[in-house]
Protein backbone atom coordinates (compact mmCIF):
# COMPACT_ATOMS: atom_id res chain seq x y z
CA MET A 1 16.39 0.51 -36.16
CA GLY A 2 17.24 4.01 -36.75
CA GLN A 3 14.85 4.77 -33.73
CA SER A 4 17.16 2.96 -31.26
CA ARG A 5 19.88 4.35 -32.42
CA SER A 6 19.29 8.07 -32.38
CA LEU A 7 18.12 7.38 -28.95
CA PHE A 8 21.41 5.26 -27.85
CA TYR A 9 22.69 9.31 -29.01
CA ILE A 10 20.32 11.28 -26.83
CA ILE A 11 20.80 9.29 -24.03
CA ARG A 12 24.70 9.14 -24.45
CA ASP A 13 24.78 12.75 -25.24
CA LEU A 14 22.52 13.85 -22.04
CA VAL A 15 24.30 11.15 -19.30
CA PRO A 16 27.22 14.05 -18.84
CA GLN A 17 24.87 16.47 -18.08
CA VAL A 18 22.27 14.39 -16.15
CA ILE A 19 26.32 13.16 -13.57
CA ALA A 20 26.73 16.70 -13.38
CA ALA A 21 23.01 18.29 -12.01
CA VAL A 22 23.21 15.32 -9.55
CA GLY A 23 26.95 15.99 -8.71
CA ASN A 24 25.46 19.46 -7.84
CA VAL A 25 22.26 18.14 -5.62
CA PRO A 26 23.40 17.75 -1.87
CA PHE A 27 23.80 14.49 -0.31
CA ALA A 28 21.01 14.56 2.36
CA SER A 29 18.67 15.24 -0.68
CA ILE A 30 19.87 12.24 -3.07
CA ALA A 31 19.87 9.73 0.38
CA LEU A 32 16.12 10.83 0.92
CA TRP A 33 15.58 10.17 -2.57
CA PHE A 34 16.83 6.82 -2.20
CA LEU A 35 15.35 5.95 1.12
CA SER A 36 11.89 7.46 -0.63
CA PHE A 37 12.73 5.03 -3.57
CA ALA A 38 13.04 1.88 -1.30
CA PHE A 39 10.16 2.44 0.68
CA ALA A 40 8.13 2.74 -2.52
CA LEU A 41 9.67 -0.16 -3.77
CA GLY A 42 8.92 -2.24 -0.31
CA VAL A 43 5.53 -1.07 -0.52
CA TRP A 44 4.82 -2.14 -4.14
CA CYS A 45 6.60 -6.03 -2.99
CA TYR A 46 4.28 -6.07 -0.01
CA THR A 47 1.20 -5.14 -1.88
CA LEU A 48 1.83 -7.83 -4.42
CA TRP A 49 2.27 -10.36 -1.90
CA LEU A 50 -0.77 -8.88 -0.23
CA VAL A 51 -2.58 -9.67 -3.73
CA ALA A 52 -1.01 -12.75 -4.21
CA ALA A 53 -1.88 -13.98 -0.19
CA PHE A 54 -5.29 -12.75 -0.72
CA PHE A 55 -6.03 -14.93 -4.14
CA LYS A 56 -4.61 -18.00 -2.40
CA ARG A 57 -7.04 -17.14 0.73
CA ARG A 58 -4.17 -17.37 3.06
CA ARG A 59 -4.79 -17.13 7.05
CA SER A 60 -2.38 -14.35 7.07
CA VAL A 61 -4.10 -11.93 4.94
CA LEU A 62 -6.25 -10.49 7.89
CA LYS A 63 -3.32 -9.47 9.61
CA HIS A 64 -2.05 -7.89 7.29
CA MET A 65 -4.73 -6.27 4.83
CA ILE A 66 -4.95 -3.95 8.21
CA VAL A 67 -1.10 -3.60 8.15
CA TRP A 68 -1.53 -2.29 4.70
CA LEU A 69 -4.18 -0.39 5.11
CA LEU A 70 -2.83 1.74 8.27
CA ILE A 71 0.24 2.06 5.92
CA THR A 72 -1.75 3.91 3.03
CA LEU A 73 -3.22 5.76 5.39
CA LEU A 74 -0.30 7.11 7.23
CA LEU A 75 1.29 7.56 3.29
CA ALA A 76 -1.64 9.61 2.93
CA LEU A 77 -1.44 11.62 5.94
CA LYS A 78 2.18 12.06 5.28
CA MET A 79 1.47 13.66 1.65
CA PHE A 80 -1.52 15.73 3.18
CA ALA A 81 0.91 17.45 6.10
CA PHE A 82 4.13 17.63 3.94
CA SER A 83 3.58 17.22 0.17
CA ALA A 84 4.19 19.68 -2.26
CA VAL A 85 0.65 18.67 -4.07
CA SER A 86 -2.23 20.85 -4.07
CA ASP A 87 -4.64 20.16 -1.11
CA ASP A 88 -7.54 19.40 -2.82
CA VAL A 89 -5.44 16.34 -4.38
CA ALA A 90 -3.80 15.42 -0.55
CA VAL A 91 -7.33 15.89 1.24
CA ARG A 92 -9.14 13.46 -1.59
CA GLU A 93 -6.47 11.05 -1.31
CA LEU A 94 -6.51 11.28 2.48
CA LEU A 95 -10.42 10.82 2.85
CA TYR A 96 -10.21 7.60 0.09
CA ALA A 97 -7.83 6.44 2.55
CA LEU A 98 -9.61 6.98 6.11
CA VAL A 99 -13.05 5.65 4.32
CA ALA A 100 -11.24 2.75 3.26
CA THR A 101 -9.48 1.81 6.65
CA ALA A 102 -12.74 2.75 8.81
CA LEU A 103 -14.77 0.46 6.79
CA THR A 104 -12.64 -2.26 6.00
CA VAL A 105 -10.75 -2.82 9.53
CA PRO A 106 -13.99 -3.43 11.62
CA TYR A 107 -15.32 -5.80 8.63
CA PHE A 108 -12.23 -7.79 8.70
CA LYS A 109 -11.91 -8.06 12.30
CA ARG A 110 -15.65 -9.04 13.38
CA SER A 111 -17.20 -10.59 9.82
CA GLN A 112 -17.46 -14.59 10.12
CA ARG A 113 -17.75 -15.00 6.57
CA VAL A 114 -14.02 -13.37 6.31
CA LYS A 115 -12.64 -15.85 8.75
CA GLN A 116 -14.15 -18.77 6.82
CA THR A 117 -13.08 -17.55 3.55
CA PHE A 118 -9.11 -17.00 4.71
CA VAL A 119 -8.61 -20.65 5.96
CA ASN A 120 -5.15 -21.72 4.10
CA PRO A 121 -2.19 -21.84 6.15
């Protein structure tokens, strides 16, 4: 119980400092952060829905898996072009996305086994 009280007091003491620090940030930066957070949350929700549909063998998985791979590729490309991460990390993520998309999309589009697996409405 002592740990939670001390954590409560730490949070209580830090909240005014955090509010003051956020007050000094331009509105455009805060808006971009919220937009980025909302987009990341949307991608996570879309991923969870896609995983659930995948295990239910829904027919819509074929199209949505391709869309998800393309979104992943676009996010890796954005990270490569605009992010402040090191080039090694950005190139590695871009290559992972490129290889996954290049191998999986033709397989999902042409494979008869895939078309026979995802049959549920």
